[in-house]
N, C-alpha and C. Protein backbone atom coordinates (compact mmCIF):
# COMPACT_ATOMS: atom_id res chain seq x y z
N MET A 1 78.35 86.08 111.82
CA MET A 1 78.89 87.22 112.53
C MET A 1 78.91 88.40 111.57
N LYS A 2 78.94 89.59 112.12
CA LYS A 2 78.93 90.81 111.30
C LYS A 2 80.29 91.49 111.37
N ILE A 3 80.76 91.92 110.18
CA ILE A 3 81.97 92.74 110.08
C ILE A 3 81.63 93.95 109.22
N THR A 4 82.44 94.99 109.32
CA THR A 4 82.29 96.15 108.46
C THR A 4 83.44 96.16 107.48
N LEU A 5 83.13 96.22 106.19
CA LEU A 5 84.13 96.32 105.14
C LEU A 5 84.13 97.76 104.63
N LYS A 6 85.30 98.39 104.69
CA LYS A 6 85.45 99.76 104.19
C LYS A 6 86.44 99.74 103.04
N LEU A 7 85.98 100.17 101.87
CA LEU A 7 86.84 100.26 100.70
C LEU A 7 87.05 101.73 100.37
N HIS A 8 88.29 102.12 100.21
CA HIS A 8 88.64 103.52 100.01
C HIS A 8 89.06 103.80 98.57
N ALA A 9 88.96 105.08 98.21
CA ALA A 9 89.36 105.59 96.88
C ALA A 9 88.59 104.82 95.80
N ASN A 10 89.28 104.43 94.73
CA ASN A 10 88.58 103.80 93.60
C ASN A 10 88.09 102.39 93.90
N LEU A 11 88.43 101.82 95.04
CA LEU A 11 87.93 100.49 95.40
C LEU A 11 86.46 100.52 95.79
N MET A 12 85.94 101.69 96.09
CA MET A 12 84.53 101.81 96.47
C MET A 12 83.61 101.25 95.40
N ASP A 13 84.07 101.26 94.14
CA ASP A 13 83.26 100.73 93.04
C ASP A 13 82.98 99.24 93.18
N ARG A 14 83.73 98.55 94.02
CA ARG A 14 83.57 97.10 94.19
C ARG A 14 82.53 96.75 95.26
N LEU A 15 82.01 97.74 95.95
CA LEU A 15 80.97 97.48 96.96
C LEU A 15 79.67 97.11 96.26
N PRO A 16 78.77 96.42 96.94
CA PRO A 16 77.49 96.04 96.32
C PRO A 16 76.72 97.26 95.81
N PRO A 17 76.01 97.10 94.70
CA PRO A 17 75.20 98.20 94.18
C PRO A 17 74.25 98.73 95.25
N GLY A 18 74.11 100.03 95.26
CA GLY A 18 73.22 100.68 96.22
C GLY A 18 73.87 101.01 97.55
N THR A 19 75.14 100.63 97.73
CA THR A 19 75.83 100.95 98.97
C THR A 19 76.05 102.45 99.04
N LYS A 20 75.72 103.03 100.16
CA LYS A 20 75.94 104.46 100.36
C LYS A 20 77.24 104.63 101.14
N GLY A 21 78.12 105.49 100.65
CA GLY A 21 79.39 105.71 101.31
C GLY A 21 80.40 104.66 100.92
N HIS A 22 81.39 104.48 101.79
CA HIS A 22 82.49 103.56 101.45
C HIS A 22 82.51 102.32 102.34
N ALA A 23 81.43 102.07 103.07
CA ALA A 23 81.41 100.93 103.99
C ALA A 23 80.11 100.15 103.87
N VAL A 24 80.24 98.86 104.16
CA VAL A 24 79.07 97.98 104.17
C VAL A 24 79.26 96.97 105.30
N VAL A 25 78.15 96.66 105.97
CA VAL A 25 78.18 95.64 107.01
C VAL A 25 77.86 94.31 106.33
N LEU A 26 78.72 93.32 106.58
CA LEU A 26 78.58 92.01 105.96
C LEU A 26 78.31 90.96 107.02
N ASP A 27 77.50 89.98 106.66
CA ASP A 27 77.34 88.77 107.47
C ASP A 27 78.29 87.74 106.88
N VAL A 28 79.23 87.28 107.67
CA VAL A 28 80.18 86.27 107.23
C VAL A 28 80.17 85.11 108.22
N ASP A 29 80.63 83.96 107.77
CA ASP A 29 80.69 82.78 108.63
C ASP A 29 81.77 82.94 109.68
N ASP A 30 81.56 82.32 110.84
CA ASP A 30 82.61 82.27 111.86
C ASP A 30 83.84 81.63 111.24
N GLY A 31 85.00 82.17 111.55
CA GLY A 31 86.25 81.64 111.02
C GLY A 31 86.65 82.19 109.67
N THR A 32 85.85 83.09 109.11
CA THR A 32 86.21 83.70 107.83
C THR A 32 87.49 84.51 108.00
N CYS A 33 88.39 84.36 107.04
CA CYS A 33 89.66 85.08 107.09
C CYS A 33 89.63 86.29 106.17
N VAL A 34 90.53 87.21 106.43
CA VAL A 34 90.66 88.44 105.64
C VAL A 34 90.75 88.10 104.15
N GLY A 35 91.60 87.15 103.81
CA GLY A 35 91.81 86.79 102.41
C GLY A 35 90.54 86.35 101.71
N HIS A 36 89.65 85.67 102.43
CA HIS A 36 88.39 85.22 101.84
C HIS A 36 87.52 86.42 101.45
N VAL A 37 87.42 87.40 102.34
CA VAL A 37 86.61 88.59 102.04
C VAL A 37 87.23 89.36 100.88
N LEU A 38 88.55 89.49 100.87
CA LEU A 38 89.21 90.20 99.77
C LEU A 38 88.96 89.50 98.44
N ALA A 39 89.04 88.18 98.43
CA ALA A 39 88.79 87.42 97.20
C ALA A 39 87.34 87.58 96.75
N GLN A 40 86.43 87.60 97.70
CA GLN A 40 85.01 87.74 97.38
C GLN A 40 84.74 89.05 96.66
N TYR A 41 85.52 90.08 96.96
CA TYR A 41 85.33 91.39 96.34
C TYR A 41 86.39 91.67 95.28
N ASP A 42 87.06 90.60 94.81
CA ASP A 42 88.06 90.68 93.74
C ASP A 42 89.12 91.74 94.06
N LEU A 43 89.76 91.58 95.23
CA LEU A 43 90.77 92.52 95.70
C LEU A 43 92.10 91.79 95.92
N PRO A 44 92.82 91.46 94.82
CA PRO A 44 94.11 90.79 94.96
C PRO A 44 95.15 91.74 95.57
N PRO A 45 96.30 91.19 96.04
CA PRO A 45 97.30 92.02 96.73
C PRO A 45 97.78 93.24 95.95
N GLN A 46 97.87 93.15 94.64
CA GLN A 46 98.34 94.31 93.88
C GLN A 46 97.32 95.45 93.86
N ILE A 47 96.06 95.13 94.16
CA ILE A 47 95.02 96.16 94.24
C ILE A 47 94.77 96.55 95.69
N ALA A 48 94.75 95.58 96.59
CA ALA A 48 94.53 95.82 98.02
C ALA A 48 95.89 96.03 98.68
N LYS A 49 96.43 97.20 98.51
CA LYS A 49 97.80 97.47 98.95
C LYS A 49 97.90 97.59 100.46
N LEU A 50 96.99 98.32 101.07
CA LEU A 50 97.00 98.53 102.51
C LEU A 50 95.73 97.92 103.09
N VAL A 51 95.88 96.94 103.97
CA VAL A 51 94.75 96.26 104.59
C VAL A 51 94.91 96.34 106.10
N LEU A 52 93.88 96.86 106.75
CA LEU A 52 93.88 96.99 108.21
C LEU A 52 92.65 96.30 108.78
N VAL A 53 92.84 95.62 109.91
CA VAL A 53 91.72 95.09 110.68
C VAL A 53 91.78 95.79 112.02
N ASN A 54 90.74 96.56 112.30
CA ASN A 54 90.66 97.34 113.54
C ASN A 54 91.91 98.21 113.72
N GLY A 55 92.41 98.75 112.62
CA GLY A 55 93.56 99.64 112.66
C GLY A 55 94.91 98.96 112.65
N HIS A 56 94.95 97.63 112.58
CA HIS A 56 96.21 96.88 112.58
C HIS A 56 96.50 96.35 111.19
N TYR A 57 97.72 96.62 110.70
CA TYR A 57 98.14 96.21 109.37
C TYR A 57 98.17 94.69 109.25
N ILE A 58 97.64 94.20 108.12
CA ILE A 58 97.70 92.77 107.80
C ILE A 58 98.53 92.64 106.53
N ALA A 59 99.69 92.03 106.65
CA ALA A 59 100.60 91.85 105.51
C ALA A 59 99.97 90.89 104.48
N PRO A 60 100.32 91.07 103.21
CA PRO A 60 99.74 90.20 102.17
C PRO A 60 99.89 88.71 102.45
N ASP A 61 101.04 88.29 102.97
CA ASP A 61 101.25 86.86 103.21
C ASP A 61 100.50 86.34 104.44
N ALA A 62 99.91 87.22 105.23
CA ALA A 62 99.18 86.80 106.42
C ALA A 62 97.66 86.87 106.23
N ARG A 63 97.20 87.41 105.14
CA ARG A 63 95.77 87.65 104.96
C ARG A 63 94.95 86.37 104.87
N ALA A 64 95.49 85.35 104.25
CA ALA A 64 94.75 84.09 104.08
C ALA A 64 94.50 83.40 105.42
N ALA A 65 95.36 83.66 106.40
CA ALA A 65 95.25 82.97 107.69
C ALA A 65 94.83 83.89 108.84
N SER A 66 94.43 85.12 108.53
CA SER A 66 94.04 86.08 109.57
C SER A 66 92.53 86.05 109.75
N PRO A 67 92.05 85.41 110.82
CA PRO A 67 90.61 85.30 111.01
C PRO A 67 89.98 86.63 111.44
N LEU A 68 88.76 86.81 111.02
CA LEU A 68 87.97 87.97 111.43
C LEU A 68 87.06 87.54 112.58
N HIS A 69 86.67 88.52 113.39
CA HIS A 69 85.81 88.26 114.54
C HIS A 69 84.62 89.20 114.48
N ASP A 70 83.56 88.82 115.14
CA ASP A 70 82.35 89.62 115.15
C ASP A 70 82.67 91.06 115.55
N GLY A 71 82.20 92.00 114.75
CA GLY A 71 82.39 93.41 115.04
C GLY A 71 83.66 94.02 114.45
N ASP A 72 84.50 93.20 113.79
CA ASP A 72 85.73 93.73 113.21
C ASP A 72 85.45 94.72 112.08
N HIS A 73 86.41 95.63 111.89
CA HIS A 73 86.38 96.58 110.78
C HIS A 73 87.55 96.27 109.88
N LEU A 74 87.26 95.89 108.64
CA LEU A 74 88.26 95.57 107.63
C LEU A 74 88.31 96.74 106.65
N ALA A 75 89.44 97.42 106.61
CA ALA A 75 89.60 98.59 105.74
C ALA A 75 90.67 98.32 104.71
N VAL A 76 90.38 98.72 103.46
CA VAL A 76 91.29 98.41 102.35
C VAL A 76 91.51 99.66 101.51
N TRP A 77 92.79 99.93 101.18
CA TRP A 77 93.17 101.04 100.32
C TRP A 77 93.95 100.51 99.12
N PRO A 78 93.79 101.15 97.96
CA PRO A 78 94.59 100.79 96.80
C PRO A 78 95.98 101.43 96.89
N PRO A 79 96.88 101.09 95.96
CA PRO A 79 98.16 101.81 95.92
C PRO A 79 97.86 103.30 95.72
N ILE A 80 98.61 104.13 96.39
CA ILE A 80 98.40 105.57 96.30
C ILE A 80 99.69 106.25 95.90
N ALA A 81 99.59 107.13 94.93
CA ALA A 81 100.75 107.91 94.51
C ALA A 81 100.39 109.37 94.65
N GLY A 82 101.35 110.18 94.86
CA GLY A 82 101.09 111.60 94.99
C GLY A 82 102.37 112.35 95.26
N GLY A 83 102.21 113.57 95.50
CA GLY A 83 103.41 114.33 95.75
C GLY A 83 103.11 115.69 96.08
């Protein structure tokens, strides 16, 4: 199945070489969970602060058991500070 992974801010550096922009379409196995994709791109909870699937927040303790479905958009942001 295909999903879109969007990495924002400094996380974009973790996308495969040659990726244009901040998103890449991935082929993943049926039943793949959010946590598996995050681990594949070395995005532990302290780095992947905000994780959304199709605009819905996925809490850190739910990521390992949150399955992805064909066509899903997985978006990840790092901790952000500002003022």
